[in-house]
């Protein structure tokens, strides 16, 4: 038995999901003739109250497409210093769109409307990049699965409107935020111009993200997806997994959140743990005491078939997910409590 808590991307399709995939009706999605892909896109667009949605193989490609739709080369994107688009998308903002990032020093991956105002470059000052887009990530991965305050997001929207800026949500784990905060997808659809949602993390699909947005901004999304190599053919087999997950895996995210909080409580009681970030959803980020050997700690857990992620700078990460069973959870808690260095 391997207990893999490196990420919620490690899940395998359930039997029910596999059955749905094998029964999918498919067509050529490049011609927009795959009925299952069309059904998934229509469903997600309706969920978020938007007119358009487009299926992508990855969340990175969906985010990169959104940035391209909102900007011109030489423009600047405002985002948090811990944002996924800046840290984990291979420099795609500069490579694909020719834009730079203005980094905000936020708290746990989140910032305020006042910080956005301070980060906007004067539009008539041609020496600095033209600010074109504000990007937020909910939940914030490097913030420990932290959830934005919706009222603050509304204030940021007002700043975007006043300054004629685009507003994009990297919603890779938006499903976790919706369940944790008891918010609705339509709440977010009313705020953001574009939203990327991931199917292969908390929802347990093998692949796939969807970009959702307003009619005008989404007009060229399929063209950019093609340029980036994201056009696929009988992709309905994958879209069927997304439809199944929306029906069966959304509400159960609360189970992942509960387990993550229980892990956090155990870690807080261990003498060799320096700090545990607040836990709101399915991510636990913690630090070891300075005298504790991180490599030895990870090797010791690996010997017990428990796998975690190192985030660098002394931070470790645990992510609960669909394949993390109750039995595994009890085994992990016992192993942590008995751990000796």
Protein backbone atom coordinates (compact mmCIF):
# COMPACT_ATOMS: atom_id res chain seq x y z
CA UNK A 1 0.00 0.00 0.00
CA UNK A 2 1.41 3.37 -1.09
CA UNK A 3 -0.02 6.46 0.61
CA UNK A 4 0.70 9.17 -1.93
CA UNK A 5 -0.05 12.62 -0.55
CA UNK A 6 2.22 14.62 -2.84
CA UNK A 7 -0.74 16.07 -4.73
CA UNK A 8 -4.41 15.56 -5.55
CA UNK A 9 -3.30 14.94 -9.15
CA UNK A 10 -2.19 11.36 -8.32
CA UNK A 11 -5.72 9.91 -8.23
CA UNK A 12 -6.90 7.13 -10.54
CA UNK A 13 -10.36 7.04 -12.14
CA UNK A 14 -12.96 5.18 -10.09
CA UNK A 15 -14.78 2.23 -11.64
CA UNK A 16 -17.88 4.35 -12.11
CA UNK A 17 -15.85 6.99 -13.91
CA UNK A 18 -14.20 4.39 -16.14
CA UNK A 19 -17.61 2.96 -17.04
CA UNK A 20 -18.87 6.44 -17.96
CA UNK A 21 -15.79 7.06 -20.09
CA UNK A 22 -16.18 3.80 -22.00
CA UNK A 23 -19.85 4.54 -22.71
CA UNK A 24 -19.24 8.06 -23.99
CA UNK A 25 -20.52 9.17 -27.36
CA UNK A 26 -17.67 10.82 -29.23
CA UNK A 27 -16.90 12.80 -32.35
CA UNK A 28 -14.15 15.05 -33.67
CA UNK A 29 -13.81 17.90 -31.19
CA UNK A 30 -11.59 19.96 -33.51
CA UNK A 31 -14.71 20.23 -35.67
CA UNK A 32 -16.71 20.78 -32.42
CA UNK A 33 -18.58 17.55 -33.20
CA UNK A 34 -17.92 15.63 -30.00
CA UNK A 35 -21.27 15.54 -28.17
CA UNK A 36 -19.79 14.68 -24.78
CA UNK A 37 -17.26 17.52 -24.87
CA UNK A 38 -20.01 19.89 -25.97
CA UNK A 39 -22.19 18.69 -23.09
CA UNK A 40 -19.40 19.26 -20.55
CA UNK A 41 -18.65 22.72 -21.87
CA UNK A 42 -22.32 23.69 -21.87
CA UNK A 43 -22.81 22.38 -18.35
CA UNK A 44 -19.85 24.27 -16.90
CA UNK A 45 -20.74 27.46 -18.73
CA UNK A 46 -24.24 27.23 -17.26
CA UNK A 47 -22.90 26.45 -13.77
CA UNK A 48 -20.84 29.64 -13.78
CA UNK A 49 -23.45 31.70 -15.59
CA UNK A 50 -21.20 32.32 -18.58
CA UNK A 51 -21.96 31.94 -22.30
CA UNK A 52 -18.79 30.07 -23.35
CA UNK A 53 -16.53 27.25 -22.15
CA UNK A 54 -13.70 25.35 -23.85
CA UNK A 55 -12.07 22.05 -22.87
CA UNK A 56 -8.26 21.95 -22.48
CA UNK A 57 -5.86 19.09 -21.78
CA UNK A 58 -4.21 20.99 -18.90
CA UNK A 59 -4.86 23.81 -16.48
CA UNK A 60 -1.61 25.47 -17.50
CA UNK A 61 -2.78 25.66 -21.11
CA UNK A 62 -6.14 27.06 -20.01
CA UNK A 63 -4.45 29.74 -17.90
CA UNK A 64 -1.97 30.58 -20.63
CA UNK A 65 -4.80 30.94 -23.13
CA UNK A 66 -6.65 33.28 -20.79
CA UNK A 67 -3.56 35.46 -20.34
CA UNK A 68 -3.14 35.61 -24.12
CA UNK A 69 -6.78 36.61 -24.56
CA UNK A 70 -6.49 39.46 -22.06
CA UNK A 71 -3.11 40.94 -23.07
CA UNK A 72 -0.83 42.16 -25.83
CA UNK A 73 2.97 41.68 -25.90
CA UNK A 74 4.63 44.14 -23.55
CA UNK A 75 1.67 44.28 -21.16
CA UNK A 76 1.81 43.37 -17.49
CA UNK A 77 -0.21 40.97 -15.33
CA UNK A 78 -0.76 41.65 -11.63
CA UNK A 79 -0.63 38.49 -9.50
CA UNK A 80 0.56 37.26 -6.13
CA UNK A 81 4.23 36.34 -5.68
CA UNK A 82 3.13 32.74 -5.00
CA UNK A 83 0.79 32.51 -8.01
CA UNK A 84 0.82 29.31 -10.06
CA UNK A 85 1.05 31.27 -13.33
CA UNK A 86 4.31 32.81 -12.12
CA UNK A 87 5.94 29.90 -10.27
CA UNK A 88 4.75 26.71 -11.96
CA UNK A 89 3.88 27.35 -15.61
CA UNK A 90 7.38 27.30 -17.06
CA UNK A 91 7.61 31.03 -17.69
CA UNK A 92 4.68 30.75 -20.07
CA UNK A 93 3.47 34.29 -19.43
CA UNK A 94 6.61 35.64 -21.10
CA UNK A 95 7.10 32.86 -23.65
CA UNK A 96 3.51 32.60 -24.89
CA UNK A 97 2.17 36.12 -24.40
CA UNK A 98 5.26 38.31 -24.16
CA UNK A 99 4.05 39.85 -20.91
CA UNK A 100 5.58 40.34 -17.48
CA UNK A 101 4.21 39.82 -13.98
CA UNK A 102 3.91 42.53 -11.34
CA UNK A 103 4.16 40.53 -8.13
CA UNK A 104 2.16 41.47 -5.06
CA UNK A 105 3.52 40.47 -1.66
CA UNK A 106 0.25 39.03 -0.43
CA UNK A 107 -0.65 36.85 2.53
CA UNK A 108 -0.88 33.09 1.87
CA UNK A 109 -1.31 33.69 -1.86
CA UNK A 110 -3.98 36.38 -1.46
CA UNK A 111 -3.86 40.18 -1.65
CA UNK A 112 -6.13 43.19 -1.20
CA UNK A 113 -7.79 45.62 -3.57
CA UNK A 114 -5.58 48.37 -2.14
CA UNK A 115 -2.48 46.39 -3.11
CA UNK A 116 -3.85 46.05 -6.64
CA UNK A 117 -4.31 49.81 -6.88
CA UNK A 118 -0.69 50.33 -5.78
CA UNK A 119 0.54 47.80 -8.37
CA UNK A 120 -1.16 49.39 -11.41
CA UNK A 121 1.29 51.26 -13.64
CA UNK A 122 0.15 54.74 -14.78
CA UNK A 123 -1.29 54.13 -18.28
CA UNK A 124 0.18 57.36 -19.67
CA UNK A 125 3.70 56.58 -18.39
CA UNK A 126 5.11 54.82 -21.44
CA UNK A 127 8.35 53.81 -19.71
CA UNK A 128 6.57 51.10 -17.70
CA UNK A 129 4.57 48.11 -18.98
CA UNK A 130 0.87 48.71 -19.51
CA UNK A 131 -1.13 46.94 -16.80
CA UNK A 132 -3.78 44.81 -18.52
CA UNK A 133 -4.87 41.97 -16.25
CA UNK A 134 -5.34 41.00 -12.60
CA UNK A 135 -5.06 37.27 -11.86
CA UNK A 136 -6.07 35.50 -8.65
CA UNK A 137 -5.80 31.85 -7.62
CA UNK A 138 -8.52 30.23 -5.50
CA UNK A 139 -7.74 28.16 -3.59
CA UNK A 140 -4.14 29.38 -3.35
CA UNK A 141 -1.83 26.38 -3.62
CA UNK A 142 1.28 27.86 -1.99
CA UNK A 143 -0.97 29.51 0.57
CA UNK A 144 -1.92 26.07 1.84
CA UNK A 145 -5.22 25.72 0.02
CA UNK A 146 -6.35 29.08 1.38
CA UNK A 147 -9.72 30.51 0.32
CA UNK A 148 -10.17 34.11 -0.74
CA UNK A 149 -12.65 36.33 1.04
CA UNK A 150 -15.40 36.88 -1.53
CA UNK A 151 -15.98 40.48 -0.44
CA UNK A 152 -12.31 41.24 -1.18
CA UNK A 153 -12.66 39.67 -4.62
CA UNK A 154 -15.59 42.02 -5.26
CA UNK A 155 -13.43 44.99 -4.29
CA UNK A 156 -10.73 43.83 -6.71
CA UNK A 157 -13.40 43.58 -9.42
CA UNK A 158 -14.32 47.21 -8.80
CA UNK A 159 -10.66 48.21 -9.18
CA UNK A 160 -10.49 46.30 -12.47
CA UNK A 161 -13.61 48.06 -13.75
CA UNK A 162 -12.31 51.49 -12.78
CA UNK A 163 -8.98 50.88 -14.50
CA UNK A 164 -10.24 48.88 -17.50
CA UNK A 165 -8.37 45.73 -16.52
CA UNK A 166 -9.19 42.11 -17.25
CA UNK A 167 -9.92 39.78 -14.33
CA UNK A 168 -8.94 36.10 -14.49
CA UNK A 169 -9.45 33.36 -11.92
CA UNK A 170 -7.10 30.41 -11.81
CA UNK A 171 -9.70 28.08 -10.33
CA UNK A 172 -7.61 24.91 -10.34
CA UNK A 173 -9.08 24.13 -6.92
CA UNK A 174 -12.16 26.36 -7.04
CA UNK A 175 -14.29 23.30 -6.26
CA UNK A 176 -12.59 23.04 -2.86
CA UNK A 177 -13.27 26.71 -2.19
CA UNK A 178 -16.93 26.41 -3.16
CA UNK A 179 -17.45 23.47 -0.81
CA UNK A 180 -15.45 24.98 2.07
CA UNK A 181 -17.05 28.42 1.88
CA UNK A 182 -20.50 27.26 0.77
CA UNK A 183 -20.38 29.60 -2.22
CA UNK A 184 -21.75 29.01 -5.71
CA UNK A 185 -20.13 28.85 -9.11
CA UNK A 186 -22.45 31.62 -10.32
CA UNK A 187 -21.08 33.90 -7.60
CA UNK A 188 -17.69 33.64 -9.29
CA UNK A 189 -19.09 33.81 -12.80
CA UNK A 190 -20.53 37.22 -12.03
CA UNK A 191 -17.13 38.54 -10.91
CA UNK A 192 -14.56 37.23 -13.37
CA UNK A 193 -14.10 37.70 -17.11
CA UNK A 194 -12.45 34.30 -17.45
CA UNK A 195 -12.20 31.29 -15.13
CA UNK A 196 -10.13 28.13 -15.51
CA UNK A 197 -11.37 25.06 -13.62
CA UNK A 198 -9.46 21.82 -13.19
CA UNK A 199 -11.06 18.39 -13.37
CA UNK A 200 -7.98 16.30 -12.56
CA UNK A 201 -7.33 17.49 -9.00
CA UNK A 202 -10.09 17.34 -6.41
CA UNK A 203 -12.63 15.90 -8.84
CA UNK A 204 -10.38 12.92 -9.61
CA UNK A 205 -10.42 12.92 -13.43
CA UNK A 206 -7.41 11.58 -15.33
CA UNK A 207 -6.99 14.77 -17.36
CA UNK A 208 -8.63 18.03 -18.27
CA UNK A 209 -9.40 21.64 -17.48
CA UNK A 210 -12.02 24.00 -18.86
CA UNK A 211 -11.76 27.72 -19.57
CA UNK A 212 -15.02 29.58 -19.02
CA UNK A 213 -15.71 33.18 -19.95
CA UNK A 214 -17.68 35.97 -21.53
CA UNK A 215 -18.55 35.88 -25.22
CA UNK A 216 -16.24 38.65 -26.42
CA UNK A 217 -13.13 37.54 -24.52
CA UNK A 218 -13.60 33.86 -25.47
CA UNK A 219 -13.99 34.51 -29.19
CA UNK A 220 -10.39 33.58 -30.02
CA UNK A 221 -9.90 30.94 -27.31
CA UNK A 222 -10.17 28.02 -29.72
CA UNK A 223 -7.62 29.64 -32.04
CA UNK A 224 -5.11 30.07 -29.21
CA UNK A 225 -5.74 26.52 -28.02
CA UNK A 226 -4.88 25.35 -31.53
CA UNK A 227 -1.68 27.44 -31.59
CA UNK A 228 -0.63 25.93 -28.27
CA UNK A 229 -1.28 22.41 -29.58
CA UNK A 230 -4.39 21.73 -27.54
CA UNK A 231 -6.77 20.65 -30.28
CA UNK A 232 -7.82 17.03 -29.69
CA UNK A 233 -10.11 14.66 -31.54
CA UNK A 234 -12.37 12.07 -29.82
CA UNK A 235 -11.80 13.69 -26.46
CA UNK A 236 -15.30 12.89 -25.26
CA UNK A 237 -13.87 9.87 -23.45
CA UNK A 238 -12.09 12.35 -21.18
CA UNK A 239 -14.96 14.81 -21.00
CA UNK A 240 -17.22 11.98 -19.80
CA UNK A 241 -14.98 11.68 -16.75
CA UNK A 242 -15.62 15.36 -16.03
CA UNK A 243 -19.38 14.97 -16.28
CA UNK A 244 -19.26 11.94 -13.98
CA UNK A 245 -17.10 13.82 -11.47
CA UNK A 246 -19.49 16.78 -11.34
CA UNK A 247 -22.30 14.36 -10.50
CA UNK A 248 -20.42 12.21 -7.99
CA UNK A 249 -17.24 13.79 -6.64
CA UNK A 250 -18.10 17.39 -5.80
CA UNK A 251 -19.80 17.13 -2.41
CA UNK A 252 -17.30 14.54 -1.15
CA UNK A 253 -14.53 17.18 -1.16
CA UNK A 254 -15.64 17.97 2.39
CA UNK A 255 -14.18 14.58 3.39
CA UNK A 256 -10.75 15.62 2.10
CA UNK A 257 -10.98 18.88 4.03
CA UNK A 258 -11.86 17.06 7.25
CA UNK A 259 -8.90 14.70 6.90
CA UNK A 260 -6.51 17.56 6.16
CA UNK A 261 -7.62 19.36 9.33
CA UNK A 262 -7.16 16.20 11.40
CA UNK A 263 -3.63 15.77 9.99
CA UNK A 264 -2.91 19.40 10.84
CA UNK A 265 -4.03 18.87 14.45
CA UNK A 266 -1.67 15.91 14.85
CA UNK A 267 1.26 17.81 13.31
CA UNK A 268 0.69 20.74 15.67
CA UNK A 269 1.28 18.41 18.64
CA UNK A 270 4.63 17.07 17.41
CA UNK A 271 7.77 18.56 18.97
CA UNK A 272 9.81 18.47 15.74
CA UNK A 273 7.24 20.54 13.81
CA UNK A 274 7.99 24.25 13.80
CA UNK A 275 4.85 25.59 12.13
CA UNK A 276 1.66 24.40 10.44
CA UNK A 277 -0.19 26.78 8.14
CA UNK A 278 -3.94 27.20 8.77
CA UNK A 279 -5.92 24.52 6.95
CA UNK A 280 -9.13 25.44 5.14
CA UNK A 281 -9.35 22.82 2.40
CA UNK A 282 -7.27 19.80 1.37
CA UNK A 283 -3.71 21.15 1.60
CA UNK A 284 -1.48 21.03 4.68
CA UNK A 285 1.78 23.01 4.57
CA UNK A 286 4.17 22.68 7.49
CA UNK A 287 7.76 23.34 8.50
CA UNK A 288 10.18 21.23 10.51
CA UNK A 289 12.25 22.57 13.37
CA UNK A 290 15.59 23.87 12.15
CA UNK A 291 17.54 21.03 13.75
CA UNK A 292 15.37 18.39 12.04
CA UNK A 293 16.84 16.81 8.90
CA UNK A 294 14.21 17.15 6.17
CA UNK A 295 15.75 14.48 3.92
CA UNK A 296 15.87 12.00 6.79
CA UNK A 297 12.26 12.81 7.72
CA UNK A 298 11.05 12.22 4.15
CA UNK A 299 13.10 9.00 3.83
CA UNK A 300 11.66 7.70 7.09
CA UNK A 301 8.13 8.32 5.85
CA UNK A 302 8.97 6.76 2.49
CA UNK A 303 10.12 3.64 4.34
CA UNK A 304 6.56 3.47 5.67
CA UNK A 305 5.21 3.92 2.11
CA UNK A 306 4.09 7.51 2.83
CA UNK A 307 4.96 10.13 0.24
CA UNK A 308 4.89 13.91 0.76
CA UNK A 309 6.13 16.88 -1.27
CA UNK A 310 8.96 19.23 -0.47
CA UNK A 311 8.15 22.78 -1.55
CA UNK A 312 11.64 24.13 -0.85
CA UNK A 313 12.63 26.73 1.75
CA UNK A 314 11.93 24.19 4.49
CA UNK A 315 8.24 23.77 3.66
CA UNK A 316 6.56 20.38 3.23
CA UNK A 317 3.12 19.68 1.76
CA UNK A 318 0.41 17.08 2.28
CA UNK A 319 -2.59 17.01 -0.06
CA UNK A 320 -5.62 14.83 0.69
CA UNK A 321 -7.69 13.46 -2.18
CA UNK A 322 -10.17 10.93 -3.52
CA UNK A 323 -7.80 7.94 -3.27
CA UNK A 324 -6.75 8.68 0.33
CA UNK A 325 -8.95 6.19 2.16
CA UNK A 326 -10.06 6.16 5.80
CA UNK A 327 -7.69 3.27 6.44
CA UNK A 328 -4.77 5.20 4.95
CA UNK A 329 -5.73 8.23 7.00
CA UNK A 330 -5.67 6.26 10.27
CA UNK A 331 -2.36 4.67 9.29
CA UNK A 332 -0.83 8.10 8.55
CA UNK A 333 -2.01 9.63 11.83
CA UNK A 334 -0.62 6.67 13.78
CA UNK A 335 2.70 6.86 11.92
CA UNK A 336 3.04 10.57 12.63
CA UNK A 337 2.20 10.20 16.30
CA UNK A 338 4.77 7.40 16.69
CA UNK A 339 7.43 9.20 14.67
CA UNK A 340 10.84 9.61 16.33
CA UNK A 341 13.87 11.48 15.01
